Amino acid sequence: MINAAAFDTDVQHTDPVALERALRSASLDLQQIIVTVARRHMDGGRRASSYGARSPTWRTLQTIDEQAFENSGFIARHDENVRAMFIRFGDSRLANADLDAPVDWRRDDDNLPAVYLLARALAEESAPTSD
């Protein structure tokens, strides 16, 4: 979710406590934005279990990622260096998948983008239980 290689010289000279605080704030904000956008695109919540929504495609995740990171509030609230520390869908190996294929939720790579992790959690949350 966080790209350690994204540290540039400005961030490296920042107070580590302030950087951690800024990163935590941006992470929580991004999570809320991704969940809101993902629910819209994935037909989440009660409607998904009622109507049996189909699995989202990689293109859906790409769209969610783009909309979340282009959110004007997110951009205004968080410094560019902090925003650049998050792993984006387009920067991950997931972008090489057939974008129209259903998402494979079994991926467990080290550096998964935030959109994948949060969308997977939403999909698992709304999946019917086999009780």
N, C-alpha and C. Protein backbone atom coordinates (compact mmCIF):
# COMPACT_ATOMS: atom_id res chain seq x y z
N MET A 1 0.82 -1.18 0.00
CA MET A 1 0.00 0.00 0.00
C MET A 1 0.87 1.26 0.00
N ILE A 2 2.00 1.20 0.71
CA ILE A 2 2.93 2.34 0.76
C ILE A 2 4.16 1.98 -0.05
N ASN A 3 4.60 2.92 -0.86
CA ASN A 3 5.77 2.73 -1.71
C ASN A 3 6.98 3.37 -1.05
N ALA A 4 7.81 2.56 -0.41
CA ALA A 4 8.98 3.08 0.30
C ALA A 4 9.97 3.74 -0.65
N ALA A 5 9.98 3.34 -1.90
CA ALA A 5 10.90 3.92 -2.88
C ALA A 5 10.49 5.33 -3.29
N ALA A 6 9.30 5.76 -2.89
CA ALA A 6 8.80 7.08 -3.30
C ALA A 6 9.37 8.22 -2.47
N PHE A 7 10.18 7.91 -1.47
CA PHE A 7 10.79 8.97 -0.67
C PHE A 7 11.70 9.80 -1.56
N ASP A 8 11.43 11.08 -1.65
CA ASP A 8 12.36 11.95 -2.37
C ASP A 8 13.15 12.74 -1.33
N THR A 9 14.05 13.57 -1.76
CA THR A 9 14.92 14.28 -0.82
C THR A 9 14.15 15.20 0.11
N ASP A 10 13.05 15.79 -0.35
CA ASP A 10 12.25 16.65 0.53
C ASP A 10 11.66 15.85 1.69
N VAL A 11 11.14 14.66 1.37
CA VAL A 11 10.51 13.83 2.39
C VAL A 11 11.56 13.27 3.34
N GLN A 12 12.73 12.92 2.83
CA GLN A 12 13.77 12.35 3.68
C GLN A 12 14.26 13.35 4.72
N HIS A 13 14.14 14.64 4.45
CA HIS A 13 14.58 15.66 5.39
C HIS A 13 13.44 16.18 6.27
N THR A 14 12.31 15.52 6.23
CA THR A 14 11.15 15.91 7.03
C THR A 14 11.24 15.21 8.38
N ASP A 15 10.70 15.85 9.37
CA ASP A 15 10.62 15.25 10.71
C ASP A 15 9.87 13.92 10.59
N PRO A 16 10.48 12.80 11.03
CA PRO A 16 9.85 11.49 10.86
C PRO A 16 8.50 11.37 11.55
N VAL A 17 8.34 12.03 12.68
CA VAL A 17 7.05 11.98 13.39
C VAL A 17 5.98 12.72 12.59
N ALA A 18 6.34 13.87 12.05
CA ALA A 18 5.39 14.64 11.23
C ALA A 18 5.05 13.87 9.96
N LEU A 19 6.04 13.22 9.38
CA LEU A 19 5.79 12.43 8.17
C LEU A 19 4.87 11.25 8.47
N GLU A 20 5.12 10.57 9.58
CA GLU A 20 4.26 9.44 9.96
C GLU A 20 2.83 9.91 10.19
N ARG A 21 2.68 11.04 10.85
CA ARG A 21 1.35 11.60 11.12
C ARG A 21 0.65 11.96 9.81
N ALA A 22 1.38 12.61 8.89
CA ALA A 22 0.81 12.99 7.60
C ALA A 22 0.42 11.76 6.79
N LEU A 23 1.26 10.74 6.84
CA LEU A 23 0.99 9.51 6.10
C LEU A 23 -0.22 8.78 6.67
N ARG A 24 -0.33 8.75 7.99
CA ARG A 24 -1.48 8.10 8.63
C ARG A 24 -2.77 8.84 8.28
N SER A 25 -2.72 10.17 8.31
CA SER A 25 -3.89 10.97 7.97
C SER A 25 -4.30 10.74 6.51
N ALA A 26 -3.33 10.75 5.61
CA ALA A 26 -3.62 10.54 4.20
C ALA A 26 -4.14 9.13 3.96
N SER A 27 -3.59 8.17 4.68
CA SER A 27 -4.02 6.77 4.52
C SER A 27 -5.48 6.59 4.93
N LEU A 28 -5.85 7.17 6.06
CA LEU A 28 -7.24 7.07 6.52
C LEU A 28 -8.18 7.78 5.55
N ASP A 29 -7.77 8.93 5.09
CA ASP A 29 -8.57 9.70 4.13
C ASP A 29 -8.73 8.90 2.83
N LEU A 30 -7.63 8.36 2.33
CA LEU A 30 -7.67 7.59 1.09
C LEU A 30 -8.56 6.35 1.25
N GLN A 31 -8.49 5.70 2.38
CA GLN A 31 -9.33 4.53 2.62
C GLN A 31 -10.81 4.90 2.51
N GLN A 32 -11.19 6.00 3.13
CA GLN A 32 -12.59 6.42 3.08
C GLN A 32 -13.02 6.74 1.65
N ILE A 33 -12.16 7.41 0.92
CA ILE A 33 -12.47 7.76 -0.47
C ILE A 33 -12.59 6.52 -1.33
N ILE A 34 -11.64 5.60 -1.21
CA ILE A 34 -11.67 4.37 -2.01
C ILE A 34 -12.91 3.56 -1.69
N VAL A 35 -13.24 3.43 -0.43
CA VAL A 35 -14.43 2.65 -0.06
C VAL A 35 -15.69 3.28 -0.65
N THR A 36 -15.81 4.59 -0.58
CA THR A 36 -16.98 5.27 -1.15
C THR A 36 -17.06 5.05 -2.66
N VAL A 37 -15.96 5.24 -3.34
CA VAL A 37 -15.93 5.07 -4.81
C VAL A 37 -16.14 3.60 -5.17
N ALA A 38 -15.50 2.71 -4.43
CA ALA A 38 -15.62 1.27 -4.73
C ALA A 38 -17.05 0.79 -4.55
N ARG A 39 -17.72 1.24 -3.52
CA ARG A 39 -19.11 0.82 -3.31
C ARG A 39 -19.98 1.25 -4.47
N ARG A 40 -19.71 2.42 -5.01
CA ARG A 40 -20.46 2.90 -6.17
C ARG A 40 -20.22 2.00 -7.38
N HIS A 41 -18.97 1.63 -7.61
CA HIS A 41 -18.61 0.86 -8.80
C HIS A 41 -18.86 -0.64 -8.66
N MET A 42 -18.77 -1.13 -7.45
CA MET A 42 -18.91 -2.57 -7.24
C MET A 42 -20.31 -2.95 -6.82
N ASP A 43 -21.21 -1.97 -6.73
CA ASP A 43 -22.58 -2.23 -6.31
C ASP A 43 -22.59 -2.93 -4.96
N GLY A 44 -21.80 -2.37 -4.04
CA GLY A 44 -21.57 -3.00 -2.74
C GLY A 44 -22.75 -2.89 -1.80
N GLY A 45 -22.51 -3.36 -0.60
CA GLY A 45 -23.52 -3.28 0.45
C GLY A 45 -24.63 -4.28 0.26
N ARG A 46 -25.81 -3.91 0.71
CA ARG A 46 -26.96 -4.82 0.68
C ARG A 46 -27.38 -5.21 -0.73
N ARG A 47 -27.29 -4.26 -1.66
CA ARG A 47 -27.73 -4.56 -3.02
C ARG A 47 -26.90 -5.66 -3.64
N ALA A 48 -25.60 -5.72 -3.33
CA ALA A 48 -24.75 -6.73 -3.93
C ALA A 48 -25.18 -8.11 -3.49
N SER A 49 -25.49 -8.28 -2.20
CA SER A 49 -25.89 -9.60 -1.75
C SER A 49 -27.31 -9.92 -2.20
N SER A 50 -28.15 -8.92 -2.33
CA SER A 50 -29.52 -9.15 -2.77
C SER A 50 -29.60 -9.53 -4.24
N TYR A 51 -28.81 -8.86 -5.06
CA TYR A 51 -28.90 -9.07 -6.49
C TYR A 51 -27.75 -9.89 -7.06
N GLY A 52 -26.84 -10.35 -6.20
CA GLY A 52 -25.73 -11.18 -6.67
C GLY A 52 -24.84 -10.46 -7.65
N ALA A 53 -24.29 -9.32 -7.26
CA ALA A 53 -23.43 -8.54 -8.15
C ALA A 53 -22.26 -9.38 -8.63
N ARG A 54 -21.90 -9.18 -9.89
CA ARG A 54 -20.79 -9.95 -10.44
C ARG A 54 -19.47 -9.38 -9.96
N SER A 55 -18.44 -10.19 -10.08
CA SER A 55 -17.11 -9.78 -9.64
C SER A 55 -16.62 -8.61 -10.48
N PRO A 56 -15.99 -7.62 -9.85
CA PRO A 56 -15.48 -6.48 -10.62
C PRO A 56 -14.31 -6.91 -11.51
N THR A 57 -14.05 -6.13 -12.51
CA THR A 57 -12.92 -6.38 -13.41
C THR A 57 -11.72 -5.55 -12.95
N TRP A 58 -10.56 -5.88 -13.53
CA TRP A 58 -9.36 -5.10 -13.26
C TRP A 58 -9.57 -3.65 -13.70
N ARG A 59 -10.32 -3.46 -14.78
CA ARG A 59 -10.60 -2.10 -15.26
C ARG A 59 -11.40 -1.31 -14.21
N THR A 60 -12.30 -1.99 -13.50
CA THR A 60 -13.06 -1.34 -12.43
C THR A 60 -12.11 -0.85 -11.35
N LEU A 61 -11.15 -1.70 -10.96
CA LEU A 61 -10.18 -1.29 -9.94
C LEU A 61 -9.34 -0.11 -10.43
N GLN A 62 -8.98 -0.13 -11.70
CA GLN A 62 -8.20 0.96 -12.27
C GLN A 62 -9.01 2.26 -12.20
N THR A 63 -10.29 2.19 -12.52
CA THR A 63 -11.17 3.36 -12.47
C THR A 63 -11.31 3.88 -11.05
N ILE A 64 -11.50 2.97 -10.10
CA ILE A 64 -11.63 3.36 -8.69
C ILE A 64 -10.35 4.07 -8.23
N ASP A 65 -9.21 3.50 -8.60
CA ASP A 65 -7.91 4.09 -8.24
C ASP A 65 -7.79 5.51 -8.80
N GLU A 66 -8.11 5.66 -10.07
CA GLU A 66 -8.01 6.98 -10.71
C GLU A 66 -8.92 7.99 -10.03
N GLN A 67 -10.16 7.61 -9.75
CA GLN A 67 -11.10 8.54 -9.14
C GLN A 67 -10.71 8.89 -7.71
N ALA A 68 -10.18 7.93 -6.98
CA ALA A 68 -9.77 8.20 -5.60
C ALA A 68 -8.59 9.16 -5.54
N PHE A 69 -7.59 8.91 -6.36
CA PHE A 69 -6.39 9.75 -6.32
C PHE A 69 -6.60 11.10 -7.00
N GLU A 70 -7.64 11.22 -7.82
CA GLU A 70 -7.96 12.50 -8.45
C GLU A 70 -8.98 13.29 -7.63
N ASN A 71 -9.38 12.77 -6.50
CA ASN A 71 -10.34 13.44 -5.64
C ASN A 71 -9.76 14.78 -5.20
N SER A 72 -10.45 15.86 -5.51
CA SER A 72 -9.92 17.20 -5.25
C SER A 72 -9.70 17.45 -3.76
N GLY A 73 -10.55 16.91 -2.91
CA GLY A 73 -10.36 17.06 -1.48
C GLY A 73 -9.10 16.36 -1.00
N PHE A 74 -8.87 15.15 -1.49
CA PHE A 74 -7.67 14.40 -1.12
C PHE A 74 -6.41 15.15 -1.56
N ILE A 75 -6.45 15.67 -2.78
CA ILE A 75 -5.31 16.42 -3.31
C ILE A 75 -5.06 17.68 -2.47
N ALA A 76 -6.13 18.38 -2.09
CA ALA A 76 -5.97 19.62 -1.32
C ALA A 76 -5.51 19.36 0.11
N ARG A 77 -5.92 18.25 0.68
CA ARG A 77 -5.61 17.99 2.10
C ARG A 77 -4.22 17.43 2.34
N HIS A 78 -3.61 16.82 1.31
CA HIS A 78 -2.36 16.10 1.55
C HIS A 78 -1.28 16.52 0.56
N ASP A 79 -0.09 16.69 1.08
CA ASP A 79 1.07 17.10 0.31
C ASP A 79 1.35 16.10 -0.82
N GLU A 80 1.83 16.61 -1.92
CA GLU A 80 2.13 15.78 -3.09
C GLU A 80 3.11 14.66 -2.76
N ASN A 81 4.12 14.96 -1.93
CA ASN A 81 5.10 13.94 -1.56
C ASN A 81 4.46 12.80 -0.77
N VAL A 82 3.51 13.11 0.06
CA VAL A 82 2.81 12.09 0.84
C VAL A 82 1.91 11.28 -0.08
N ARG A 83 1.18 11.94 -0.97
CA ARG A 83 0.30 11.23 -1.91
C ARG A 83 1.09 10.28 -2.80
N ALA A 84 2.31 10.67 -3.17
CA ALA A 84 3.14 9.87 -4.06
C ALA A 84 3.66 8.60 -3.37
N MET A 85 3.52 8.51 -2.07
CA MET A 85 4.02 7.35 -1.35
C MET A 85 3.09 6.14 -1.43
N PHE A 86 1.87 6.34 -1.91
CA PHE A 86 0.93 5.23 -2.03
C PHE A 86 1.15 4.50 -3.35
N ILE A 87 1.06 3.20 -3.30
CA ILE A 87 1.19 2.40 -4.52
C ILE A 87 -0.10 2.53 -5.31
N ARG A 88 0.04 2.93 -6.55
CA ARG A 88 -1.10 3.12 -7.45
C ARG A 88 -1.31 1.86 -8.28
N PHE A 89 -2.52 1.67 -8.77
CA PHE A 89 -2.84 0.52 -9.60
C PHE A 89 -1.94 0.48 -10.83
N GLY A 90 -1.78 1.60 -11.50
CA GLY A 90 -0.98 1.66 -12.72
C GLY A 90 0.49 1.38 -12.51
N ASP A 91 0.98 1.54 -11.30
CA ASP A 91 2.38 1.30 -11.00
C ASP A 91 2.64 -0.13 -10.53
N SER A 92 1.61 -0.91 -10.40
CA SER A 92 1.76 -2.28 -9.90
C SER A 92 1.72 -3.28 -11.05
N ARG A 93 2.08 -4.50 -10.71
CA ARG A 93 2.02 -5.58 -11.71
C ARG A 93 0.58 -5.91 -12.10
N LEU A 94 -0.38 -5.47 -11.32
CA LEU A 94 -1.78 -5.75 -11.62
C LEU A 94 -2.22 -5.06 -12.90
N ALA A 95 -1.59 -3.96 -13.25
CA ALA A 95 -1.96 -3.21 -14.45
C ALA A 95 -1.69 -4.01 -15.72
N ASN A 96 -0.89 -5.06 -15.63
CA ASN A 96 -0.58 -5.89 -16.80
C ASN A 96 -1.63 -6.97 -17.05
N ALA A 97 -2.59 -7.09 -16.17
CA ALA A 97 -3.64 -8.10 -16.33
C ALA A 97 -4.58 -7.71 -17.46
N ASP A 98 -5.35 -8.68 -17.94
CA ASP A 98 -6.41 -8.40 -18.91
C ASP A 98 -7.44 -7.55 -18.17
N LEU A 99 -7.54 -6.28 -18.51
CA LEU A 99 -8.36 -5.34 -17.75
C LEU A 99 -9.84 -5.69 -17.72
N ASP A 100 -10.30 -6.48 -18.69
CA ASP A 100 -11.72 -6.86 -18.72
C ASP A 100 -12.00 -8.19 -18.04
N ALA A 101 -10.96 -8.83 -17.50
CA ALA A 101 -11.13 -10.09 -16.78
C ALA A 101 -11.56 -9.80 -15.34
N PRO A 102 -12.27 -10.74 -14.73
CA PRO A 102 -12.63 -10.55 -13.32
C PRO A 102 -11.38 -10.49 -12.44
N VAL A 103 -11.46 -9.74 -11.37
CA VAL A 103 -10.33 -9.58 -10.46
C VAL A 103 -10.06 -10.91 -9.75
N ASP A 104 -8.79 -11.25 -9.66
CA ASP A 104 -8.34 -12.42 -8.90
C ASP A 104 -8.01 -11.93 -7.49
N TRP A 105 -8.89 -12.21 -6.55
CA TRP A 105 -8.72 -11.71 -5.18
C TRP A 105 -7.68 -12.51 -4.40
N ARG A 106 -7.10 -13.54 -5.00
CA ARG A 106 -6.13 -14.37 -4.30
C ARG A 106 -4.71 -13.81 -4.37
N ARG A 107 -4.52 -12.69 -5.04
CA ARG A 107 -3.18 -12.09 -5.14
C ARG A 107 -2.69 -11.73 -3.74
N ASP A 108 -1.44 -11.99 -3.49
CA ASP A 108 -0.87 -11.70 -2.18
C ASP A 108 0.55 -11.19 -2.32
N ASP A 109 0.78 -10.37 -3.34
CA ASP A 109 2.09 -9.78 -3.56
C ASP A 109 2.42 -8.84 -2.41
N ASP A 110 3.69 -8.52 -2.28
CA ASP A 110 4.11 -7.62 -1.21
C ASP A 110 3.57 -6.21 -1.38
N ASN A 111 3.63 -5.69 -2.58
CA ASN A 111 3.30 -4.29 -2.80
C ASN A 111 2.00 -4.14 -3.60
N LEU A 112 0.91 -4.49 -2.99
CA LEU A 112 -0.39 -4.35 -3.64
C LEU A 112 -0.90 -2.92 -3.47
N PRO A 113 -1.55 -2.39 -4.49
CA PRO A 113 -2.10 -1.03 -4.36
C PRO A 113 -3.26 -0.98 -3.36
N ALA A 114 -3.45 0.18 -2.78
CA ALA A 114 -4.50 0.38 -1.78
C ALA A 114 -5.86 0.00 -2.34
N VAL A 115 -6.11 0.32 -3.60
CA VAL A 115 -7.42 0.03 -4.19
C VAL A 115 -7.70 -1.47 -4.20
N TYR A 116 -6.71 -2.27 -4.47
CA TYR A 116 -6.89 -3.73 -4.49
C TYR A 116 -7.22 -4.23 -3.08
N LEU A 117 -6.44 -3.81 -2.10
CA LEU A 117 -6.63 -4.28 -0.73
C LEU A 117 -8.00 -3.90 -0.18
N LEU A 118 -8.42 -2.67 -0.42
CA LEU A 118 -9.70 -2.22 0.11
C LEU A 118 -10.88 -2.80 -0.65
N ALA A 119 -10.77 -2.91 -1.97
CA ALA A 119 -11.85 -3.50 -2.76
C ALA A 119 -12.00 -4.98 -2.41
N ARG A 120 -10.88 -5.66 -2.16
CA ARG A 120 -10.95 -7.07 -1.76
C ARG A 120 -11.67 -7.20 -0.42
N ALA A 121 -11.37 -6.32 0.52
CA ALA A 121 -12.05 -6.34 1.82
C ALA A 121 -13.55 -6.11 1.66
N LEU A 122 -13.93 -5.19 0.78
CA LEU A 122 -15.35 -4.95 0.52
C LEU A 122 -16.01 -6.16 -0.11
N ALA A 123 -15.32 -6.79 -1.06
CA ALA A 123 -15.88 -7.97 -1.74
C ALA A 123 -16.06 -9.11 -0.75
N GLU A 124 -15.10 -9.29 0.15
CA GLU A 124 -15.20 -10.34 1.15
C GLU A 124 -16.32 -10.04 2.13
N GLU A 125 -16.47 -8.76 2.48
CA GLU A 125 -17.51 -8.35 3.41
C GLU A 125 -18.91 -8.60 2.85
N SER A 126 -19.08 -8.39 1.54
CA SER A 126 -20.40 -8.53 0.95
C SER A 126 -20.64 -9.91 0.36
N ALA A 127 -19.63 -10.79 0.43
CA ALA A 127 -19.81 -12.15 -0.11
C ALA A 127 -20.79 -12.92 0.76
N PRO A 128 -21.67 -13.70 0.12
CA PRO A 128 -22.62 -14.49 0.90
C PRO A 128 -21.88 -15.51 1.76
N THR A 129 -22.36 -15.70 2.97
CA THR A 129 -21.74 -16.68 3.87
C THR A 129 -22.34 -18.05 3.60
N SER A 130 -21.57 -19.07 3.90
CA SER A 130 -22.03 -20.44 3.63
C SER A 130 -22.46 -21.13 4.91
N ASP A 131 -23.11 -20.38 5.81
CA ASP A 131 -23.57 -20.95 7.09
C ASP A 131 -24.70 -21.89 6.86
